[in-house]
Amino acid sequence: MASVYEVDASELVRAAAQGLKTVIKEQPDYLHYAKSGAGKERQPQDPDFWYVRSASLLRYVYTSGPVGVSRLRERYGSRKEHVMHRKHHVDAGGSAITDSLNALEKANLVKKTPKGREITPKGRSFLDKVSGELSKK
């Protein structure tokens, strides 16, 4: 059986997002109106943005184990265009990341510890099953 490290990350995130649709039922109401960070000009255009971001967060917590929201904001940030200045890095918005992690906690895929968020055995088996299905294809 293949692990998360042996499968292409983008394929794993897309497949895990489809699996998370059955686990996480509701999305935040503000999701279709708010930007994902100060460095973006528009809100996300992908209708499955919430599930893709949640799957990506789950994979990152799996691979980089205990991690906090501030480090995740830095990782998912982008470059902001300035008129007169060079481009600068801007952190991503924290509410979408925090709400996604809270939804993963309710689904018992991630747990909160004093060092940050860690993956649970249920979350580890979920990602291992998805990566095993991808390796068979």
N, C-alpha and C. Protein backbone atom coordinates (compact mmCIF):
# COMPACT_ATOMS: atom_id res chain seq x y z
N MET A 1 0.84 -1.18 0.00
CA MET A 1 0.00 0.00 0.00
C MET A 1 0.89 1.24 0.00
N ALA A 2 0.57 2.18 -0.86
CA ALA A 2 1.37 3.40 -0.99
C ALA A 2 1.04 4.37 0.13
N SER A 3 2.03 5.18 0.49
CA SER A 3 1.82 6.19 1.51
C SER A 3 1.63 7.55 0.85
N VAL A 4 1.42 8.54 1.67
CA VAL A 4 1.19 9.90 1.19
C VAL A 4 2.42 10.43 0.47
N TYR A 5 3.60 9.98 0.87
CA TYR A 5 4.85 10.49 0.30
C TYR A 5 5.13 9.93 -1.09
N GLU A 6 4.50 8.83 -1.47
CA GLU A 6 4.78 8.18 -2.75
C GLU A 6 3.81 8.58 -3.86
N VAL A 7 2.79 9.34 -3.53
CA VAL A 7 1.75 9.73 -4.49
C VAL A 7 1.92 11.21 -4.82
N ASP A 8 1.55 11.59 -6.04
CA ASP A 8 1.60 13.00 -6.44
C ASP A 8 0.70 13.82 -5.53
N ALA A 9 1.23 14.92 -5.01
CA ALA A 9 0.51 15.72 -4.02
C ALA A 9 -0.78 16.32 -4.57
N SER A 10 -0.74 16.85 -5.78
CA SER A 10 -1.94 17.49 -6.32
C SER A 10 -3.05 16.48 -6.58
N GLU A 11 -2.68 15.28 -7.05
CA GLU A 11 -3.70 14.24 -7.25
C GLU A 11 -4.27 13.78 -5.91
N LEU A 12 -3.42 13.68 -4.90
CA LEU A 12 -3.88 13.27 -3.59
C LEU A 12 -4.84 14.29 -2.99
N VAL A 13 -4.52 15.57 -3.15
CA VAL A 13 -5.38 16.62 -2.58
C VAL A 13 -6.73 16.62 -3.28
N ARG A 14 -6.76 16.49 -4.60
CA ARG A 14 -8.04 16.46 -5.32
C ARG A 14 -8.88 15.24 -4.93
N ALA A 15 -8.24 14.09 -4.80
CA ALA A 15 -8.98 12.88 -4.42
C ALA A 15 -9.45 12.96 -2.97
N ALA A 16 -8.62 13.50 -2.09
CA ALA A 16 -9.02 13.64 -0.69
C ALA A 16 -10.13 14.67 -0.55
N ALA A 17 -10.14 15.69 -1.39
CA ALA A 17 -11.21 16.69 -1.36
C ALA A 17 -12.55 16.04 -1.70
N GLN A 18 -12.54 15.13 -2.66
CA GLN A 18 -13.78 14.42 -3.00
C GLN A 18 -14.24 13.54 -1.84
N GLY A 19 -13.28 12.95 -1.13
CA GLY A 19 -13.62 12.14 0.03
C GLY A 19 -14.10 12.97 1.21
N LEU A 20 -13.58 14.19 1.34
CA LEU A 20 -13.99 15.06 2.44
C LEU A 20 -15.40 15.60 2.26
N LYS A 21 -15.91 15.57 1.05
CA LYS A 21 -17.27 16.05 0.82
C LYS A 21 -18.28 15.21 1.59
N THR A 22 -17.97 13.92 1.80
CA THR A 22 -18.88 13.08 2.57
C THR A 22 -18.67 13.23 4.07
N VAL A 23 -17.47 13.65 4.47
CA VAL A 23 -17.14 13.76 5.90
C VAL A 23 -17.55 15.13 6.44
N ILE A 24 -17.20 16.20 5.73
CA ILE A 24 -17.52 17.56 6.15
C ILE A 24 -18.74 18.02 5.36
N LYS A 25 -19.82 18.24 6.06
CA LYS A 25 -21.08 18.55 5.37
C LYS A 25 -21.26 20.03 5.07
N GLU A 26 -20.91 20.90 6.01
CA GLU A 26 -21.24 22.31 5.82
C GLU A 26 -20.00 23.18 5.67
N GLN A 27 -20.15 24.22 4.87
CA GLN A 27 -19.10 25.20 4.64
C GLN A 27 -19.50 26.50 5.33
N PRO A 28 -18.54 27.37 5.62
CA PRO A 28 -18.91 28.68 6.18
C PRO A 28 -19.70 29.50 5.16
N ASP A 29 -20.57 30.36 5.67
CA ASP A 29 -21.42 31.17 4.79
C ASP A 29 -20.61 32.24 4.04
N TYR A 30 -19.57 32.75 4.66
CA TYR A 30 -18.81 33.84 4.07
C TYR A 30 -17.87 33.40 2.96
N LEU A 31 -17.76 32.11 2.72
CA LEU A 31 -16.73 31.57 1.85
C LEU A 31 -16.83 32.09 0.41
N HIS A 32 -18.02 32.30 -0.09
CA HIS A 32 -18.18 32.72 -1.49
C HIS A 32 -18.06 34.23 -1.66
N TYR A 33 -17.91 34.96 -0.54
CA TYR A 33 -17.82 36.41 -0.62
C TYR A 33 -16.45 36.95 -0.22
N ALA A 34 -15.72 36.22 0.59
CA ALA A 34 -14.46 36.72 1.13
C ALA A 34 -13.28 36.22 0.31
N LYS A 35 -12.22 37.02 0.31
CA LYS A 35 -10.98 36.61 -0.33
C LYS A 35 -10.26 35.62 0.58
N SER A 36 -9.31 34.90 0.02
CA SER A 36 -8.56 33.95 0.84
C SER A 36 -7.34 34.59 1.49
N GLY A 37 -7.11 35.86 1.24
CA GLY A 37 -6.00 36.57 1.86
C GLY A 37 -5.89 37.98 1.33
N ALA A 38 -5.08 38.78 1.98
CA ALA A 38 -4.93 40.18 1.58
C ALA A 38 -4.17 40.33 0.27
N GLY A 39 -3.43 39.32 -0.12
CA GLY A 39 -2.68 39.38 -1.37
C GLY A 39 -3.49 39.04 -2.59
N LYS A 40 -4.72 38.64 -2.42
CA LYS A 40 -5.58 38.25 -3.55
C LYS A 40 -6.50 39.41 -3.92
N GLU A 41 -6.88 39.44 -5.21
CA GLU A 41 -7.79 40.49 -5.65
C GLU A 41 -9.24 40.04 -5.63
N ARG A 42 -9.50 38.74 -5.75
CA ARG A 42 -10.86 38.22 -5.81
C ARG A 42 -11.02 37.04 -4.87
N GLN A 43 -12.27 36.67 -4.66
CA GLN A 43 -12.54 35.48 -3.89
C GLN A 43 -12.25 34.25 -4.75
N PRO A 44 -12.07 33.08 -4.16
CA PRO A 44 -11.76 31.88 -4.94
C PRO A 44 -12.88 31.54 -5.93
N GLN A 45 -12.52 31.18 -7.15
CA GLN A 45 -13.49 30.88 -8.19
C GLN A 45 -13.88 29.40 -8.22
N ASP A 46 -13.08 28.55 -7.62
CA ASP A 46 -13.35 27.12 -7.60
C ASP A 46 -14.51 26.84 -6.64
N PRO A 47 -15.57 26.17 -7.09
CA PRO A 47 -16.68 25.86 -6.17
C PRO A 47 -16.28 24.87 -5.08
N ASP A 48 -15.24 24.09 -5.29
CA ASP A 48 -14.77 23.13 -4.29
C ASP A 48 -13.59 23.66 -3.50
N PHE A 49 -13.42 24.97 -3.44
CA PHE A 49 -12.25 25.55 -2.77
C PHE A 49 -12.14 25.10 -1.32
N TRP A 50 -13.26 25.07 -0.61
CA TRP A 50 -13.25 24.72 0.81
C TRP A 50 -12.71 23.31 1.03
N TYR A 51 -13.15 22.37 0.20
CA TYR A 51 -12.73 20.98 0.35
C TYR A 51 -11.29 20.78 -0.11
N VAL A 52 -10.89 21.48 -1.15
CA VAL A 52 -9.50 21.39 -1.61
C VAL A 52 -8.55 21.98 -0.58
N ARG A 53 -8.90 23.11 0.01
CA ARG A 53 -8.06 23.71 1.05
C ARG A 53 -8.01 22.81 2.28
N SER A 54 -9.14 22.23 2.65
CA SER A 54 -9.16 21.33 3.81
C SER A 54 -8.31 20.09 3.56
N ALA A 55 -8.38 19.53 2.37
CA ALA A 55 -7.56 18.37 2.05
C ALA A 55 -6.08 18.73 2.02
N SER A 56 -5.77 19.90 1.51
CA SER A 56 -4.38 20.35 1.48
C SER A 56 -3.85 20.58 2.90
N LEU A 57 -4.67 21.15 3.76
CA LEU A 57 -4.28 21.33 5.15
C LEU A 57 -4.08 19.98 5.84
N LEU A 58 -4.96 19.04 5.57
CA LEU A 58 -4.84 17.71 6.17
C LEU A 58 -3.55 17.03 5.74
N ARG A 59 -3.20 17.15 4.46
CA ARG A 59 -1.96 16.56 3.97
C ARG A 59 -0.75 17.25 4.59
N TYR A 60 -0.81 18.57 4.73
CA TYR A 60 0.32 19.30 5.30
C TYR A 60 0.51 18.95 6.77
N VAL A 61 -0.58 18.80 7.51
CA VAL A 61 -0.47 18.40 8.91
C VAL A 61 0.09 16.99 9.00
N TYR A 62 -0.27 16.13 8.06
CA TYR A 62 0.25 14.76 8.02
C TYR A 62 1.76 14.76 7.79
N THR A 63 2.23 15.54 6.84
CA THR A 63 3.64 15.51 6.47
C THR A 63 4.52 16.36 7.38
N SER A 64 4.00 17.47 7.91
CA SER A 64 4.84 18.39 8.68
C SER A 64 4.46 18.48 10.14
N GLY A 65 3.66 17.62 10.57
CA GLY A 65 3.18 17.40 11.90
C GLY A 65 3.41 18.41 12.95
N PRO A 66 3.20 18.56 14.15
CA PRO A 66 2.34 19.61 14.70
C PRO A 66 2.63 20.99 14.10
N VAL A 67 1.60 21.64 13.68
CA VAL A 67 1.73 22.91 12.97
C VAL A 67 0.63 23.85 13.47
N GLY A 68 0.98 25.14 13.57
CA GLY A 68 0.04 26.14 14.03
C GLY A 68 -0.54 26.95 12.88
N VAL A 69 -1.52 27.75 13.21
CA VAL A 69 -2.22 28.55 12.19
C VAL A 69 -1.29 29.59 11.59
N SER A 70 -0.40 30.16 12.38
CA SER A 70 0.48 31.21 11.86
C SER A 70 1.42 30.65 10.79
N ARG A 71 1.92 29.44 11.00
CA ARG A 71 2.79 28.83 9.98
C ARG A 71 1.98 28.45 8.74
N LEU A 72 0.74 28.05 8.92
CA LEU A 72 -0.11 27.74 7.77
C LEU A 72 -0.47 29.00 6.99
N ARG A 73 -0.70 30.10 7.69
CA ARG A 73 -0.98 31.37 7.00
C ARG A 73 0.21 31.78 6.15
N GLU A 74 1.40 31.56 6.67
CA GLU A 74 2.61 31.89 5.93
C GLU A 74 2.76 31.00 4.69
N ARG A 75 2.45 29.72 4.85
CA ARG A 75 2.61 28.76 3.76
C ARG A 75 1.61 29.04 2.63
N TYR A 76 0.37 29.36 2.97
CA TYR A 76 -0.65 29.58 1.94
C TYR A 76 -0.74 31.02 1.49
N GLY A 77 0.17 31.87 1.92
CA GLY A 77 0.20 33.26 1.50
C GLY A 77 0.67 33.40 0.06
N SER A 78 0.70 34.64 -0.41
CA SER A 78 1.08 34.88 -1.81
C SER A 78 1.82 36.21 -1.90
N ARG A 79 2.15 36.59 -3.10
CA ARG A 79 2.83 37.86 -3.33
C ARG A 79 1.79 38.92 -3.67
N LYS A 80 1.92 40.06 -3.07
CA LYS A 80 0.98 41.15 -3.31
C LYS A 80 1.58 42.12 -4.32
N GLU A 81 0.78 42.51 -5.30
CA GLU A 81 1.21 43.48 -6.30
C GLU A 81 1.13 44.88 -5.69
N HIS A 82 2.20 45.64 -5.85
CA HIS A 82 2.21 47.04 -5.44
C HIS A 82 2.44 47.88 -6.69
N VAL A 83 1.95 49.10 -6.67
CA VAL A 83 2.07 49.97 -7.84
C VAL A 83 3.50 50.47 -7.99
N MET A 84 4.06 51.01 -6.93
CA MET A 84 5.37 51.62 -7.01
C MET A 84 6.48 50.75 -6.42
N HIS A 85 6.10 49.71 -5.68
CA HIS A 85 7.09 48.92 -4.97
C HIS A 85 7.24 47.55 -5.59
N ARG A 86 8.21 46.83 -5.10
CA ARG A 86 8.35 45.44 -5.52
C ARG A 86 7.25 44.62 -4.89
N LYS A 87 7.12 43.40 -5.36
CA LYS A 87 6.14 42.50 -4.77
C LYS A 87 6.64 42.03 -3.41
N HIS A 88 5.73 41.91 -2.47
CA HIS A 88 6.06 41.47 -1.12
C HIS A 88 5.16 40.31 -0.74
N HIS A 89 5.68 39.46 0.13
CA HIS A 89 4.88 38.33 0.60
C HIS A 89 3.84 38.81 1.61
N VAL A 90 2.62 38.30 1.46
CA VAL A 90 1.53 38.61 2.38
C VAL A 90 0.94 37.28 2.85
N ASP A 91 0.73 37.14 4.14
CA ASP A 91 0.16 35.92 4.68
C ASP A 91 -1.28 35.74 4.22
N ALA A 92 -1.71 34.50 4.16
CA ALA A 92 -3.10 34.19 3.81
C ALA A 92 -4.03 34.57 4.96
N GLY A 93 -5.30 34.63 4.67
CA GLY A 93 -6.29 34.92 5.70
C GLY A 93 -6.39 33.78 6.69
N GLY A 94 -6.55 34.11 7.95
CA GLY A 94 -6.56 33.09 8.98
C GLY A 94 -7.91 32.45 9.22
N SER A 95 -8.99 33.13 8.85
CA SER A 95 -10.31 32.58 9.19
C SER A 95 -10.63 31.34 8.37
N ALA A 96 -10.29 31.32 7.10
CA ALA A 96 -10.56 30.14 6.28
C ALA A 96 -9.73 28.95 6.75
N ILE A 97 -8.50 29.20 7.16
CA ILE A 97 -7.63 28.13 7.65
C ILE A 97 -8.14 27.63 9.01
N THR A 98 -8.48 28.55 9.91
CA THR A 98 -8.96 28.16 11.23
C THR A 98 -10.27 27.40 11.14
N ASP A 99 -11.21 27.89 10.33
CA ASP A 99 -12.49 27.21 10.20
C ASP A 99 -12.34 25.84 9.56
N SER A 100 -11.42 25.71 8.62
CA SER A 100 -11.17 24.43 8.00
C SER A 100 -10.57 23.44 9.00
N LEU A 101 -9.63 23.91 9.80
CA LEU A 101 -9.06 23.05 10.83
C LEU A 101 -10.09 22.65 11.88
N ASN A 102 -10.98 23.58 12.23
CA ASN A 102 -12.04 23.25 13.18
C ASN A 102 -13.00 22.20 12.61
N ALA A 103 -13.29 22.29 11.32
CA ALA A 103 -14.14 21.28 10.69
C ALA A 103 -13.44 19.92 10.66
N LEU A 104 -12.13 19.93 10.43
CA LEU A 104 -11.37 18.68 10.46
C LEU A 104 -11.29 18.11 11.88
N GLU A 105 -11.28 18.98 12.88
CA GLU A 105 -11.31 18.51 14.26
C GLU A 105 -12.66 17.87 14.59
N LYS A 106 -13.75 18.47 14.12
CA LYS A 106 -15.07 17.89 14.35
C LYS A 106 -15.22 16.53 13.69
N ALA A 107 -14.55 16.36 12.56
CA ALA A 107 -14.59 15.08 11.86
C ALA A 107 -13.59 14.08 12.45
N ASN A 108 -12.85 14.51 13.49
CA ASN A 108 -11.88 13.67 14.19
C ASN A 108 -10.72 13.25 13.29
N LEU A 109 -10.33 14.12 12.37
CA LEU A 109 -9.19 13.85 11.51
C LEU A 109 -7.93 14.56 12.00
N VAL A 110 -8.12 15.63 12.76
CA VAL A 110 -7.02 16.43 13.31
C VAL A 110 -7.34 16.70 14.77
N LYS A 111 -6.31 16.77 15.61
CA LYS A 111 -6.52 17.14 17.01
C LYS A 111 -5.60 18.29 17.38
N LYS A 112 -6.05 19.06 18.37
CA LYS A 112 -5.29 20.22 18.83
C LYS A 112 -4.43 19.81 20.02
N THR A 113 -3.16 20.16 19.97
CA THR A 113 -2.22 19.90 21.06
C THR A 113 -1.55 21.22 21.44
N PRO A 114 -0.81 21.26 22.54
CA PRO A 114 -0.11 22.50 22.89
C PRO A 114 0.91 22.95 21.84
N LYS A 115 1.46 22.04 21.07
CA LYS A 115 2.43 22.40 20.04
C LYS A 115 1.77 22.81 18.73
N GLY A 116 0.50 22.52 18.54
CA GLY A 116 -0.20 22.83 17.30
C GLY A 116 -1.13 21.70 16.92
N ARG A 117 -1.59 21.72 15.68
CA ARG A 117 -2.51 20.68 15.21
C ARG A 117 -1.71 19.46 14.77
N GLU A 118 -2.20 18.28 15.17
CA GLU A 118 -1.60 17.01 14.77
C GLU A 118 -2.67 16.14 14.13
N ILE A 119 -2.23 15.22 13.32
CA ILE A 119 -3.16 14.31 12.66
C ILE A 119 -3.50 13.17 13.60
N THR A 120 -4.74 12.72 13.57
CA THR A 120 -5.18 11.60 14.39
C THR A 120 -4.99 10.30 13.61
N PRO A 121 -5.09 9.17 14.27
CA PRO A 121 -5.01 7.90 13.52
C PRO A 121 -6.10 7.76 12.46
N LYS A 122 -7.28 8.32 12.73
CA LYS A 122 -8.36 8.27 11.74
C LYS A 122 -8.00 9.11 10.51
N GLY A 123 -7.39 10.27 10.72
CA GLY A 123 -6.96 11.11 9.60
C GLY A 123 -5.83 10.47 8.82
N ARG A 124 -4.91 9.81 9.53
CA ARG A 124 -3.80 9.11 8.88
C ARG A 124 -4.33 7.97 8.01
N SER A 125 -5.29 7.21 8.53
CA SER A 125 -5.83 6.10 7.73
C SER A 125 -6.64 6.61 6.55
N PHE A 126 -7.33 7.76 6.72
CA PHE A 126 -8.09 8.34 5.62
C PHE A 126 -7.17 8.69 4.46
N LEU A 127 -6.06 9.39 4.75
CA LEU A 127 -5.13 9.77 3.69
C LEU A 127 -4.40 8.55 3.13
N ASP A 128 -4.11 7.57 3.95
CA ASP A 128 -3.45 6.36 3.45
C ASP A 128 -4.36 5.58 2.51
N LYS A 129 -5.66 5.55 2.82
CA LYS A 129 -6.61 4.86 1.94
C LYS A 129 -6.72 5.58 0.59
N VAL A 130 -6.77 6.89 0.64
CA VAL A 130 -6.87 7.66 -0.61
C VAL A 130 -5.61 7.49 -1.44
N SER A 131 -4.45 7.52 -0.80
CA SER A 131 -3.20 7.34 -1.55
C SER A 131 -3.07 5.91 -2.07
N GLY A 132 -3.60 4.92 -1.34
CA GLY A 132 -3.60 3.55 -1.83
C GLY A 132 -4.47 3.37 -3.05
N GLU A 133 -5.62 4.05 -3.06
CA GLU A 133 -6.50 3.99 -4.24
C GLU A 133 -5.84 4.66 -5.45
N LEU A 134 -5.13 5.75 -5.20
CA LEU A 134 -4.46 6.44 -6.31
C LEU A 134 -3.31 5.62 -6.87
N SER A 135 -2.62 4.90 -6.01
CA SER A 135 -1.49 4.10 -6.51
C SER A 135 -1.94 2.91 -7.32
N LYS A 136 -3.16 2.42 -7.07
CA LYS A 136 -3.70 1.31 -7.86
C LYS A 136 -4.06 1.74 -9.27
N LYS A 137 -4.43 3.01 -9.43
CA LYS A 137 -4.84 3.51 -10.75
C LYS A 137 -3.71 3.77 -11.66
